[in-house]
Amino acid sequence: MAASKPILYSYFRSSCSWRVRIALALKEIDYETKAVNLIKDGGQQHSKDYASFNPIEQVPTLIIDGHTLIQSLPIIEYIEETRPDSHKLLPKEPVKRATVRAIAEIVNSGIQPIQNLAVLQKVGDEGKIEWGNFWIDRGFGALEKMLSRTAGKYCVGDDITLADLCLVPQIYNANRFKVDMSKFPVISRIAEELSGHEAFIAAHPSKQPDCPDDMK
């Protein structure tokens, strides 16, 4: 009996969902998308049904191999560890692997959570652009310094890794919050390189089934 197709609970503009979509595309894993609208009805992620399998009430959730997985980086590492023969997202060398994870965590822990939807709702509409701009600009300052030492074609050398999966969605948010990207030439160069890659195109918010028509 054939294994059931993985199911990704996702929101088109969620940077955490976006990371997982890139990983699935790079690994050539066919999957079904179930949209979770983070705005509609007060946020569908807060519904009783969704919270029953994702207690933090966030996206993404991935159902794969009979398992229900939450949080983007553990999901991506599970995909990496269970599908090691396709595109490798973590280098073999321990130091390079640590470097990739460090860059990913600058985004995952040091930038994205401070400007995510739940925080912005507390900040309020009047201050959210200034808030998001400040924290992304600050985090990108640190990231630019690190990438100036580690980057080749991509974030770490010349292979696409977990670090790149975290970087691209955060640049989308930087543009939303009017960050001056001319201050970050290394980040901008890597983003431009990745923008033409098939997996990154497929994972883009505009390509998602729940993307509003006026944003496609």
Protein backbone atom coordinates (compact mmCIF):
# COMPACT_ATOMS: atom_id res chain seq x y z
CA MET A 1 0.00 0.00 0.00
CA ALA A 2 1.39 3.38 -1.03
CA ALA A 3 2.30 5.84 1.68
CA SER A 4 -0.09 8.75 2.02
CA LYS A 5 1.00 12.11 0.66
CA PRO A 6 2.46 14.46 3.29
CA ILE A 7 0.21 17.32 4.38
CA LEU A 8 1.61 20.78 5.09
CA TYR A 9 -0.51 23.16 7.12
CA SER A 10 0.73 26.50 5.85
CA TYR A 11 -0.04 30.18 5.37
CA PHE A 12 1.18 31.64 2.10
CA ARG A 13 3.07 34.55 3.70
CA SER A 14 4.35 32.75 6.79
CA SER A 15 8.13 32.76 6.67
CA CYS A 16 8.30 29.59 8.77
CA SER A 17 5.95 27.75 6.39
CA TRP A 18 7.96 29.12 3.48
CA ARG A 19 11.19 27.57 4.80
CA VAL A 20 9.54 24.16 4.89
CA ARG A 21 8.09 24.60 1.40
CA ILE A 22 11.59 25.27 0.05
CA ALA A 23 12.93 22.16 1.78
CA LEU A 24 10.13 20.00 0.38
CA ALA A 25 10.78 21.38 -3.10
CA LEU A 26 14.54 20.80 -2.87
CA LYS A 27 13.94 17.25 -1.66
CA GLU A 28 11.35 16.75 -4.44
CA ILE A 29 8.69 15.64 -1.95
CA ASP A 30 5.17 15.88 -3.31
CA TYR A 31 2.73 17.11 -0.68
CA GLU A 32 -0.74 18.50 -0.10
CA THR A 33 -1.23 22.02 1.24
CA LYS A 34 -3.92 22.79 3.80
CA ALA A 35 -4.18 26.54 4.21
CA VAL A 36 -4.40 28.05 7.68
CA ASN A 37 -5.39 31.70 7.41
CA LEU A 38 -3.60 33.56 10.21
CA ILE A 39 -5.91 36.59 9.89
CA LYS A 40 -9.40 35.30 9.05
CA ASP A 41 -11.82 34.60 11.90
CA GLY A 42 -9.30 35.87 14.42
CA GLY A 43 -6.70 33.41 13.10
CA GLN A 44 -7.60 29.87 12.07
CA GLN A 45 -4.47 28.64 13.86
CA HIS A 46 -6.35 29.25 17.11
CA SER A 47 -9.19 26.89 16.21
CA LYS A 48 -9.81 23.96 18.52
CA ASP A 49 -9.14 21.45 15.76
CA TYR A 50 -5.79 22.95 14.77
CA ALA A 51 -4.66 23.48 18.36
CA SER A 52 -5.35 19.81 19.05
CA PHE A 53 -2.23 18.86 17.06
CA ASN A 54 -0.25 22.11 17.24
CA PRO A 55 -0.49 23.36 20.83
CA ILE A 56 1.52 26.55 20.17
CA GLU A 57 -1.10 27.45 17.53
CA GLN A 58 1.38 28.42 14.84
CA VAL A 59 2.24 27.29 11.32
CA PRO A 60 3.68 25.17 9.91
CA THR A 61 2.61 21.68 10.81
CA LEU A 62 3.74 18.79 8.62
CA ILE A 63 2.10 15.37 8.67
CA ILE A 64 4.58 12.93 7.14
CA ASP A 65 5.44 9.25 7.55
CA GLY A 66 2.57 8.91 10.03
CA HIS A 67 4.04 11.64 12.27
CA THR A 68 2.77 15.12 13.09
CA LEU A 69 5.68 17.55 13.25
CA ILE A 70 5.72 21.19 14.31
CA GLN A 71 8.26 24.08 14.23
CA SER A 72 10.03 24.76 10.96
CA LEU A 73 13.63 23.88 11.80
CA PRO A 74 12.88 20.52 13.44
CA ILE A 75 10.61 19.72 10.48
CA ILE A 76 13.39 20.52 8.02
CA GLU A 77 15.93 18.49 10.00
CA TYR A 78 13.53 15.52 10.05
CA ILE A 79 13.19 15.76 6.27
CA GLU A 80 16.97 15.98 5.97
CA GLU A 81 17.60 12.98 8.20
CA THR A 82 14.94 10.75 6.63
CA ARG A 83 15.71 11.71 3.02
CA PRO A 84 19.53 11.96 3.08
CA ASP A 85 20.09 10.93 -0.53
CA SER A 86 18.46 13.97 -2.13
CA HIS A 87 19.62 17.59 -1.84
CA LYS A 88 21.61 17.88 1.39
CA LEU A 89 20.61 20.82 3.56
CA LEU A 90 23.32 20.41 6.21
CA PRO A 91 27.03 19.99 5.43
CA LYS A 92 28.86 16.86 6.55
CA GLU A 93 31.69 18.76 8.26
CA PRO A 94 30.83 19.60 11.91
CA VAL A 95 32.13 23.19 11.77
CA LYS A 96 30.27 23.99 8.56
CA ARG A 97 27.15 22.35 9.97
CA ALA A 98 27.40 24.48 13.10
CA THR A 99 27.88 27.59 10.95
CA VAL A 100 24.77 26.81 8.90
CA ARG A 101 22.74 26.30 12.06
CA ALA A 102 24.08 29.52 13.58
CA ILE A 103 23.00 31.57 10.56
CA ALA A 104 19.62 29.87 10.57
CA GLU A 105 19.21 30.66 14.26
CA ILE A 106 20.09 34.33 13.81
CA VAL A 107 16.95 34.50 11.70
CA ASN A 108 14.89 31.90 13.51
CA SER A 109 15.58 33.12 17.05
CA GLY A 110 17.05 36.60 16.71
CA ILE A 111 14.92 38.27 14.04
CA GLN A 112 11.72 36.54 12.96
CA PRO A 113 10.02 35.98 16.34
CA ILE A 114 10.35 39.66 17.29
CA GLN A 115 8.41 40.78 14.20
CA ASN A 116 5.97 37.93 13.75
CA LEU A 117 2.21 38.38 13.61
CA ALA A 118 1.49 37.81 17.31
CA VAL A 119 4.05 40.44 18.36
CA LEU A 120 2.88 42.95 15.75
CA GLN A 121 -0.70 42.57 16.94
CA LYS A 122 0.46 43.62 20.40
CA VAL A 123 2.51 46.51 19.01
CA GLY A 124 -0.51 47.80 17.07
CA ASP A 125 -1.03 49.12 13.57
CA GLU A 126 0.48 52.56 14.17
CA GLY A 127 3.87 51.29 15.30
CA LYS A 128 4.29 47.97 13.52
CA ILE A 129 6.25 49.20 10.47
CA GLU A 130 8.76 51.07 12.65
CA TRP A 131 9.02 48.07 15.02
CA GLY A 132 9.56 45.52 12.27
CA ASN A 133 12.01 47.77 10.47
CA PHE A 134 14.11 48.30 13.60
CA TRP A 135 14.46 44.63 14.54
CA ILE A 136 15.05 43.31 11.04
CA ASP A 137 17.61 46.04 10.33
CA ARG A 138 19.39 45.23 13.59
CA GLY A 139 19.43 41.50 12.90
CA PHE A 140 20.54 41.94 9.31
CA GLY A 141 23.48 44.01 10.55
CA ALA A 142 24.73 40.98 12.47
CA LEU A 143 23.86 38.61 9.63
CA GLU A 144 25.71 40.70 7.04
CA LYS A 145 28.88 40.57 9.15
CA MET A 146 28.65 36.80 9.50
CA LEU A 147 27.88 36.17 5.84
CA SER A 148 30.81 38.32 4.77
CA ARG A 149 32.98 35.59 6.33
CA THR A 150 31.02 32.47 5.35
CA ALA A 151 29.40 33.12 2.00
CA GLY A 152 30.37 31.77 -1.36
CA LYS A 153 27.63 31.66 -3.92
CA TYR A 154 25.18 31.08 -1.05
CA CYS A 155 25.18 31.64 2.73
CA VAL A 156 27.81 29.01 3.48
CA GLY A 157 29.99 28.22 0.52
CA ASP A 158 28.53 27.22 -2.81
CA ASP A 159 25.79 24.81 -1.74
CA ILE A 160 22.24 25.68 -0.76
CA THR A 161 21.73 24.87 2.92
CA LEU A 162 19.29 25.36 5.77
CA ALA A 163 20.72 28.87 6.20
CA ASP A 164 19.50 29.90 2.75
CA LEU A 165 16.04 28.52 3.48
CA CYS A 166 15.81 30.87 6.45
CA LEU A 167 17.32 33.88 4.72
CA VAL A 168 15.00 34.27 1.72
CA PRO A 169 11.67 34.53 3.58
CA GLN A 170 13.20 37.04 6.00
CA ILE A 171 14.19 39.29 3.08
CA TYR A 172 10.56 39.27 1.97
CA ASN A 173 9.66 40.53 5.44
CA ALA A 174 12.44 43.12 5.28
CA ASN A 175 10.88 44.53 2.13
CA ARG A 176 7.44 44.57 3.75
CA PHE A 177 8.85 46.61 6.61
CA LYS A 178 10.77 48.96 4.32
CA VAL A 179 14.27 47.98 5.41
CA ASP A 180 17.00 49.68 3.37
CA MET A 181 18.56 46.63 1.74
CA SER A 182 21.34 48.69 0.15
CA LYS A 183 23.04 48.48 3.56
CA PHE A 184 23.35 44.70 3.17
CA PRO A 185 25.11 43.89 -0.12
CA VAL A 186 26.08 40.31 0.76
CA ILE A 187 22.55 39.41 1.85
CA SER A 188 21.14 41.06 -1.28
CA ARG A 189 23.56 39.24 -3.59
CA ILE A 190 22.72 35.84 -2.11
CA ALA A 191 19.00 36.59 -2.33
CA GLU A 192 19.32 37.51 -5.99
CA GLU A 193 21.20 34.28 -6.68
CA LEU A 194 18.52 32.19 -4.96
CA SER A 195 15.57 34.00 -6.52
CA GLY A 196 15.97 32.19 -9.82
CA HIS A 197 16.25 28.69 -8.34
CA GLU A 198 13.32 26.43 -9.21
CA ALA A 199 12.65 25.33 -5.61
CA PHE A 200 12.63 28.90 -4.32
CA ILE A 201 10.28 29.99 -7.11
CA ALA A 202 7.88 27.13 -6.34
CA ALA A 203 7.86 27.95 -2.61
CA HIS A 204 7.26 31.69 -3.06
CA PRO A 205 4.07 33.08 -1.46
CA SER A 206 2.71 34.16 -4.84
CA LYS A 207 2.72 30.53 -6.01
CA GLN A 208 0.69 29.21 -3.08
CA PRO A 209 -2.96 28.13 -3.44
CA ASP A 210 -4.05 30.45 -0.61
CA CYS A 211 -2.32 33.54 -2.02
CA PRO A 212 -4.90 36.25 -2.79
CA ASP A 213 -5.29 36.95 -6.49
CA ASP A 214 -4.15 40.57 -6.11
CA MET A 215 -0.80 39.37 -4.70
CA LYS A 216 -0.01 36.80 -7.39
